[in-house]
Protein backbone atom coordinates (compact mmCIF):
# COMPACT_ATOMS: atom_id res chain seq x y z
CA UNK A 1 -63.16 5.79 -16.24
CA UNK A 2 -60.17 6.58 -18.45
CA UNK A 3 -59.36 9.57 -16.25
CA UNK A 4 -59.56 7.39 -13.14
CA UNK A 5 -57.23 4.80 -14.72
CA UNK A 6 -54.73 7.48 -15.69
CA UNK A 7 -54.84 8.89 -12.18
CA UNK A 8 -54.24 5.45 -10.67
CA UNK A 9 -51.28 4.75 -12.99
CA UNK A 10 -49.84 8.18 -12.29
CA UNK A 11 -49.92 7.51 -8.57
CA UNK A 12 -48.10 4.23 -9.05
CA UNK A 13 -45.19 5.65 -11.09
CA UNK A 14 -43.08 6.68 -8.04
CA UNK A 15 -43.63 3.27 -6.46
CA UNK A 16 -42.64 1.48 -9.68
CA UNK A 17 -39.52 3.62 -10.03
CA UNK A 18 -38.49 2.79 -6.47
CA UNK A 19 -39.04 -0.92 -7.10
CA UNK A 20 -36.93 -0.75 -10.24
CA UNK A 21 -34.21 1.07 -8.33
CA UNK A 22 -34.30 -1.55 -5.61
CA UNK A 23 -34.16 -4.30 -8.21
CA UNK A 24 -31.16 -2.66 -9.85
CA UNK A 25 -29.27 -2.55 -6.57
CA UNK A 26 -30.10 -6.21 -5.97
CA UNK A 27 -28.77 -7.07 -9.42
CA UNK A 28 -25.58 -5.18 -8.71
CA UNK A 29 -25.13 -6.99 -5.45
CA UNK A 30 -25.49 -10.32 -7.20
CA UNK A 31 -22.45 -9.45 -9.30
CA UNK A 32 -20.31 -9.67 -6.20
CA UNK A 33 -19.91 -6.05 -5.06
CA UNK A 34 -19.70 -5.45 -1.34
CA UNK A 35 -22.97 -3.61 -0.56
CA UNK A 36 -24.61 -3.81 2.85
CA UNK A 37 -28.24 -4.70 3.25
CA UNK A 38 -29.19 -1.34 4.70
CA UNK A 39 -27.93 0.40 1.56
CA UNK A 40 -30.69 -1.19 -0.50
CA UNK A 41 -33.23 0.76 1.52
CA UNK A 42 -31.15 3.92 1.52
CA UNK A 43 -31.65 4.10 -2.24
CA UNK A 44 -35.39 4.61 -1.67
CA UNK A 45 -34.67 8.15 -0.43
CA UNK A 46 -33.21 11.00 -2.49
CA UNK A 47 -29.77 10.01 -3.76
CA UNK A 48 -26.70 12.21 -3.69
CA UNK A 49 -26.80 12.44 -7.47
CA UNK A 50 -30.24 14.06 -7.25
CA UNK A 51 -29.24 16.62 -4.65
CA UNK A 52 -27.92 20.06 -5.39
CA UNK A 53 -24.65 21.04 -3.71
CA UNK A 54 -26.57 23.21 -1.25
CA UNK A 55 -28.78 20.31 -0.20
CA UNK A 56 -25.78 18.13 0.62
CA UNK A 57 -24.86 20.36 3.51
CA UNK A 58 -28.41 20.42 4.82
CA UNK A 59 -30.42 17.64 6.38
CA UNK A 60 -28.98 15.02 4.00
CA UNK A 61 -25.17 15.32 4.04
CA UNK A 62 -23.01 13.80 1.36
CA UNK A 63 -22.11 10.20 2.21
CA UNK A 64 -19.65 7.89 0.46
CA UNK A 65 -19.99 4.14 0.25
CA UNK A 66 -16.73 2.30 0.83
CA UNK A 67 -15.95 -0.97 -0.89
CA UNK A 68 -14.53 -4.03 0.78
CA UNK A 69 -13.09 -6.71 -1.50
CA UNK A 70 -14.95 -7.23 -4.80
CA UNK A 71 -16.61 -10.64 -4.81
CA UNK A 72 -16.63 -10.92 -1.02
CA UNK A 73 -19.94 -11.95 0.53
CA UNK A 74 -21.52 -10.08 3.40
CA UNK A 75 -20.43 -12.66 5.99
CA UNK A 76 -16.77 -11.57 6.02
CA UNK A 77 -15.62 -12.51 9.52
CA UNK A 78 -12.96 -14.71 7.96
CA UNK A 79 -11.40 -11.48 6.68
CA UNK A 80 -11.97 -9.51 9.90
CA UNK A 81 -9.91 -11.91 12.02
CA UNK A 82 -6.75 -11.75 9.84
CA UNK A 83 -7.09 -7.96 9.69
CA UNK A 84 -7.31 -7.80 13.48
CA UNK A 85 -4.18 -9.95 13.68
CA UNK A 86 -2.35 -7.65 11.24
CA UNK A 87 -3.26 -4.53 13.18
CA UNK A 88 -2.32 -6.22 16.47
CA UNK A 89 1.10 -7.21 15.07
CA UNK A 90 1.56 -3.68 13.74
CA UNK A 91 0.71 -2.07 17.08
CA UNK A 92 2.77 -4.54 19.08
CA UNK A 93 5.80 -4.37 16.77
CA UNK A 94 6.02 -0.59 16.43
CA UNK A 95 5.24 0.08 20.10
CA UNK A 96 7.90 -2.46 21.08
CA UNK A 97 10.43 -0.70 18.86
CA UNK A 98 9.62 2.66 20.45
CA UNK A 99 9.84 1.17 23.95
CA UNK A 100 13.19 -0.53 23.27
CA UNK A 101 14.73 2.62 21.77
CA UNK A 102 13.44 4.75 24.65
CA UNK A 103 14.61 2.46 27.48
CA UNK A 104 17.98 1.36 26.06
CA UNK A 105 20.38 4.31 26.27
CA UNK A 106 22.87 2.56 23.99
CA UNK A 107 20.33 2.99 21.18
CA UNK A 108 20.17 6.78 21.54
CA UNK A 109 22.02 7.27 18.27
CA UNK A 110 20.95 8.93 14.98
CA UNK A 111 20.11 5.61 13.29
CA UNK A 112 17.66 4.60 16.02
CA UNK A 113 16.20 8.07 16.32
CA UNK A 114 15.23 7.85 12.67
CA UNK A 115 13.94 4.32 13.25
CA UNK A 116 11.64 5.64 15.99
CA UNK A 117 10.35 8.26 13.53
CA UNK A 118 9.63 5.47 11.06
CA UNK A 119 7.69 3.56 13.73
CA UNK A 120 5.60 6.65 14.53
CA UNK A 121 4.82 7.17 10.83
CA UNK A 122 3.84 3.50 10.49
CA UNK A 123 1.56 3.78 13.51
CA UNK A 124 -0.12 6.88 12.10
CA UNK A 125 -0.56 5.33 8.67
CA UNK A 126 -2.12 2.15 10.04
CA UNK A 127 -4.38 3.89 12.55
CA UNK A 128 -5.66 6.11 9.73
CA UNK A 129 -7.12 3.09 7.92
CA UNK A 130 -8.13 1.11 11.02
CA UNK A 131 -11.62 2.63 11.62
CA UNK A 132 -13.06 2.04 8.15
CA UNK A 133 -11.37 -1.33 7.64
CA UNK A 134 -12.79 -2.67 10.89
CA UNK A 135 -16.18 -1.07 10.22
CA UNK A 136 -16.47 -2.79 6.84
CA UNK A 137 -15.18 -6.25 7.62
CA UNK A 138 -16.36 -6.57 11.21
CA UNK A 139 -19.51 -4.45 11.54
CA UNK A 140 -20.58 -4.45 7.85
CA UNK A 141 -20.86 -0.66 7.89
CA UNK A 142 -19.68 0.96 4.66
CA UNK A 143 -21.13 4.49 4.74
CA UNK A 144 -18.81 7.40 5.59
CA UNK A 145 -19.70 11.07 5.62
CA UNK A 146 -17.85 13.52 3.38
CA UNK A 147 -16.01 15.34 6.17
CA UNK A 148 -14.77 12.11 7.76
CA UNK A 149 -13.62 10.89 4.34
CA UNK A 150 -11.58 14.06 3.79
CA UNK A 151 -10.00 13.73 7.26
CA UNK A 152 -9.04 10.12 6.61
CA UNK A 153 -7.66 10.97 3.17
CA UNK A 154 -5.59 13.79 4.67
CA UNK A 155 -4.03 11.63 7.38
CA UNK A 156 -3.31 8.71 5.02
CA UNK A 157 -1.45 10.88 2.51
CA UNK A 158 0.26 12.94 5.24
CA UNK A 159 1.68 9.94 7.08
CA UNK A 160 2.66 8.35 3.77
CA UNK A 161 4.64 11.49 2.88
CA UNK A 162 6.21 11.46 6.35
CA UNK A 163 7.28 7.83 5.99
CA UNK A 164 8.85 8.59 2.63
CA UNK A 165 10.75 11.50 4.20
CA UNK A 166 11.96 9.34 7.09
CA UNK A 167 13.30 6.77 4.62
CA UNK A 168 15.29 9.56 2.94
CA UNK A 169 16.73 10.63 6.30
CA UNK A 170 17.69 7.02 7.07
CA UNK A 171 19.38 6.72 3.66
CA UNK A 172 21.37 9.89 4.43
CA UNK A 173 22.33 8.40 7.79
CA UNK A 174 23.65 5.21 6.16
CA UNK A 175 25.53 7.11 3.44
CA UNK A 176 27.33 9.29 6.00
CA UNK A 177 28.11 6.27 8.21
CA UNK A 178 29.67 4.32 5.32
CA UNK A 179 31.15 7.06 3.12
CA UNK A 180 32.38 9.38 5.90
CA UNK A 181 32.62 7.24 9.09
CA UNK A 182 35.04 9.61 10.85
CA UNK A 183 32.69 12.56 10.43
CA UNK A 184 29.52 10.69 11.40
CA UNK A 185 29.10 12.09 14.92
CA UNK A 186 30.04 15.61 13.89
CA UNK A 187 27.60 15.67 10.96
CA UNK A 188 24.59 13.90 12.48
CA UNK A 189 24.22 15.90 15.68
CA UNK A 190 21.11 15.90 17.87
CA UNK A 191 20.30 19.39 16.61
CA UNK A 192 20.37 18.24 12.99
CA UNK A 193 18.20 15.20 13.77
CA UNK A 194 15.58 17.37 15.48
CA UNK A 195 15.55 19.79 12.55
CA UNK A 196 15.25 16.91 10.09
CA UNK A 197 12.36 15.39 12.05
CA UNK A 198 10.60 18.75 12.22
CA UNK A 199 11.08 19.33 8.49
CA UNK A 200 9.68 15.87 7.69
CA UNK A 201 6.64 16.50 9.88
CA UNK A 202 5.94 19.99 8.50
CA UNK A 203 6.35 18.80 4.91
CA UNK A 204 3.96 15.91 5.49
CA UNK A 205 1.16 18.01 6.93
CA UNK A 206 1.58 21.02 4.62
CA UNK A 207 1.94 19.35 1.23
CA UNK A 208 -1.35 17.47 1.60
CA UNK A 209 -3.35 20.37 3.09
CA UNK A 210 -4.10 22.05 -0.28
CA UNK A 211 -5.35 18.69 -1.59
CA UNK A 212 -7.95 18.51 1.17
CA UNK A 213 -8.93 22.17 0.73
CA UNK A 214 -9.34 21.84 -3.03
CA UNK A 215 -11.43 18.68 -2.92
CA UNK A 216 -13.57 20.16 -0.13
CA UNK A 217 -14.83 22.76 -2.62
CA UNK A 218 -15.74 20.21 -5.29
CA UNK A 219 -19.27 19.04 -6.13
CA UNK A 220 -19.94 15.31 -6.31
CA UNK A 221 -22.79 14.59 -8.68
CA UNK A 222 -21.77 11.12 -9.84
CA UNK A 223 -21.90 7.76 -8.12
CA UNK A 224 -20.72 8.07 -4.53
CA UNK A 225 -19.28 4.56 -4.25
CA UNK A 226 -15.52 4.46 -3.69
CA UNK A 227 -13.39 1.57 -4.87
CA UNK A 228 -11.38 1.02 -1.67
CA UNK A 229 -11.95 0.40 2.02
CA UNK A 230 -10.62 3.88 2.79
CA UNK A 231 -10.61 7.32 1.21
CA UNK A 232 -7.83 8.16 -1.24
CA UNK A 233 -7.44 11.37 -3.22
CA UNK A 234 -7.42 9.79 -6.67
CA UNK A 235 -10.43 7.66 -5.76
CA UNK A 236 -12.49 10.64 -4.59
CA UNK A 237 -11.38 12.73 -7.54
CA UNK A 238 -12.97 10.42 -10.10
CA UNK A 239 -16.40 11.08 -8.53
CA UNK A 240 -16.21 14.87 -9.00
CA UNK A 241 -18.59 16.25 -11.61
CA UNK A 242 -16.71 19.52 -12.24
CA UNK A 243 -13.32 20.43 -13.64
CA UNK A 244 -10.55 18.60 -11.79
CA UNK A 245 -7.52 19.92 -13.69
CA UNK A 246 -6.26 21.99 -10.75
CA UNK A 247 -6.71 19.11 -8.31
CA UNK A 248 -5.03 16.62 -10.62
CA UNK A 249 -2.15 18.97 -11.40
CA UNK A 250 -1.47 19.77 -7.76
CA UNK A 251 -1.81 16.11 -6.75
CA UNK A 252 0.73 15.11 -9.39
CA UNK A 253 3.06 17.94 -8.36
CA UNK A 254 2.82 16.95 -4.69
CA UNK A 255 3.67 13.33 -5.50
CA UNK A 256 6.65 14.35 -7.64
CA UNK A 257 7.99 16.78 -5.03
CA UNK A 258 7.66 14.26 -2.20
CA UNK A 259 7.87 10.62 -3.18
CA UNK A 260 9.43 11.28 -6.57
CA UNK A 261 12.32 13.36 -5.19
CA UNK A 262 12.59 11.08 -2.16
CA UNK A 263 13.03 7.96 -4.27
CA UNK A 264 15.62 9.73 -6.44
CA UNK A 265 17.52 10.88 -3.34
CA UNK A 266 17.51 7.36 -1.91
CA UNK A 267 18.79 6.00 -5.23
CA UNK A 268 21.65 8.52 -5.30
CA UNK A 269 22.50 7.72 -1.67
CA UNK A 270 22.79 4.02 -2.42
CA UNK A 271 24.92 4.71 -5.47
CA UNK A 272 27.35 6.51 -3.15
CA UNK A 273 27.12 3.66 -0.64
CA UNK A 274 27.83 1.01 -3.26
CA UNK A 275 30.80 2.97 -4.59
CA UNK A 276 32.20 3.33 -1.07
CA UNK A 277 31.69 -0.36 -0.30
CA UNK A 278 33.41 -1.45 -3.51
CA UNK A 279 36.43 0.68 -2.61
CA UNK A 280 36.95 -1.31 0.61
CA UNK A 281 39.77 -3.84 0.22
CA UNK A 282 38.76 -6.33 2.91
CA UNK A 283 35.97 -8.73 1.94
CA UNK A 284 34.86 -9.03 5.54
CA UNK A 285 34.69 -5.27 5.94
CA UNK A 286 32.59 -5.03 2.77
CA UNK A 287 30.09 -7.55 4.09
CA UNK A 288 29.91 -5.80 7.45
CA UNK A 289 29.34 -2.40 5.84
CA UNK A 290 26.64 -3.71 3.54
CA UNK A 291 24.89 -5.57 6.37
CA UNK A 292 24.20 -2.26 8.10
CA UNK A 293 22.08 -1.22 5.10
CA UNK A 294 20.01 -4.40 4.65
CA UNK A 295 17.23 -3.41 7.07
CA UNK A 296 16.81 0.04 5.51
CA UNK A 297 16.97 -1.38 2.00
CA UNK A 298 14.18 -3.84 2.88
CA UNK A 299 12.08 -0.98 4.30
CA UNK A 300 12.58 1.03 1.09
CA UNK A 301 11.57 -1.90 -1.13
CA UNK A 302 8.57 -2.74 1.06
CA UNK A 303 7.33 0.86 0.80
CA UNK A 304 8.12 1.79 -2.80
CA UNK A 305 7.38 -1.42 -4.72
CA UNK A 306 3.65 -1.45 -3.85
CA UNK A 307 3.51 2.32 -4.38
CA UNK A 308 5.04 2.13 -7.87
CA UNK A 309 2.92 -0.90 -8.76
CA UNK A 310 -0.27 0.87 -7.66
CA UNK A 311 0.64 3.98 -9.66
CA UNK A 312 1.34 1.94 -12.80
CA UNK A 313 -1.89 -0.01 -12.48
CA UNK A 314 -3.94 3.17 -11.93
CA UNK A 315 -2.39 4.61 -15.10
CA UNK A 316 -2.19 1.63 -17.45
CA UNK A 317 -4.24 -1.16 -15.86
CA UNK A 318 -7.76 0.18 -16.26
CA UNK A 319 -8.90 -3.11 -17.80
CA UNK A 320 -7.68 -5.15 -14.87
CA UNK A 321 -10.29 -6.48 -12.43
CA UNK A 322 -11.14 -4.25 -9.43
CA UNK A 323 -9.70 -6.90 -7.12
CA UNK A 324 -6.18 -6.08 -8.37
CA UNK A 325 -6.51 -2.38 -7.51
CA UNK A 326 -8.03 -3.14 -4.11
CA UNK A 327 -5.39 -5.66 -3.07
CA UNK A 328 -2.48 -3.46 -4.15
CA UNK A 329 -3.88 -0.49 -2.22
CA UNK A 330 -4.32 -2.67 0.87
CA UNK A 331 -0.78 -4.03 0.53
CA UNK A 332 0.64 -0.52 0.14
CA UNK A 333 -1.00 0.75 3.33
CA UNK A 334 -1.01 -2.37 5.53
CA UNK A 335 2.13 -4.39 4.74
CA UNK A 336 4.95 -1.84 5.42
CA UNK A 337 3.79 -0.97 8.98
CA UNK A 338 3.62 -4.70 9.78
CA UNK A 339 6.91 -5.80 8.18
CA UNK A 340 9.15 -2.85 9.13
CA UNK A 341 9.36 -3.64 12.88
CA UNK A 342 9.78 -7.34 12.11
CA UNK A 343 12.66 -6.67 9.71
CA UNK A 344 14.47 -4.29 12.07
CA UNK A 345 13.93 -6.58 15.06
CA UNK A 346 15.35 -9.52 13.14
CA UNK A 347 18.32 -7.77 11.48
CA UNK A 348 19.38 -5.40 14.28
CA UNK A 349 21.39 -7.14 16.98
CA UNK A 350 20.81 -4.55 19.71
CA UNK A 351 17.04 -4.54 19.28
CA UNK A 352 16.91 -8.33 19.05
CA UNK A 353 18.90 -8.70 22.25
CA UNK A 354 16.69 -6.24 24.11
CA UNK A 355 13.50 -8.00 22.99
CA UNK A 356 14.88 -11.37 24.06
CA UNK A 357 15.75 -9.94 27.47
CA UNK A 358 12.17 -8.67 27.73
CA UNK A 359 10.75 -12.08 26.81
CA UNK A 360 13.13 -13.99 29.11
CA UNK A 361 13.24 -11.53 31.99
CA UNK A 362 12.91 -14.25 34.62
CA UNK A 363 15.60 -16.42 33.08
CA UNK A 364 19.22 -15.82 32.28
CA UNK A 365 20.29 -13.20 29.75
CA UNK A 366 20.34 -14.88 26.31
CA UNK A 367 23.36 -14.81 24.10
CA UNK A 368 22.81 -13.51 20.57
């Protein structure tokens, strides 16, 4: 009888452990984390933490769980609609900028060539986050395989580096136009612009490639739940169970050599611009010269303020609620592509006139 009882209890241990695991996930979900219903039942199978690295590439590949907004309930259509509006405004604004610059031959100048590069970088950055953001908030699907996560991480960081490089090129364009106006056309030739665009593109895709290669070789034996709605390098790195010194060192070096040097170059460019503007005698000429930099200055602030804030919070704000980290990351990746075309359309007379002609094609040409 005792042997029969022990055998019965032994057979029930796996079932009890699964029930406890299911109860734990339910308790976690009650704390407000964004976990889909189907994930509760996924925990009944072998977890990633229990798999060896060789098993992850077999029949059960490594899968990450993306997080929406902490505290958000499963019925999140009220968030999906604003996100759809943001992406629609981003697509419409940047595509309109590209169309206006392409069709208006008076805008075929270095400043607008760089602006078209900025629009392309904004499109790439937004489209990199679009699939997972829409999957989470519209279809309530949060699982993402390891390979897809690496691809998304690569494109996000690549287009971010490209946008930073384009902002540097635009700062150089403004500094030459204000400090050396007579040499503007001879310095910023079409050949130089093409070389600058190619260098920005090659730097963006090459500097992030070792990051993807290094993290591809890592083993993930910890929790596979990410803290954002998309895959970021620093977010994936905290789930690695091995030594991450090489990855961290190269990631820090890449950031310093791209966005660190870019921000310093932009700062030096504006110091030269301010000195040149202050040397102008006429007050009206000063205002006119400074007005040509307002749009670019807004684009720089829109891009770098969320980036610096996110970096500071990741380093010193570990006690802050997860909502702060999530919102700052979303602002950093979603707000600049939406606001940049709006700012340039509002502040640039030629683009504003062309858009008004497009909207009022059947009427008379508006005066701006």
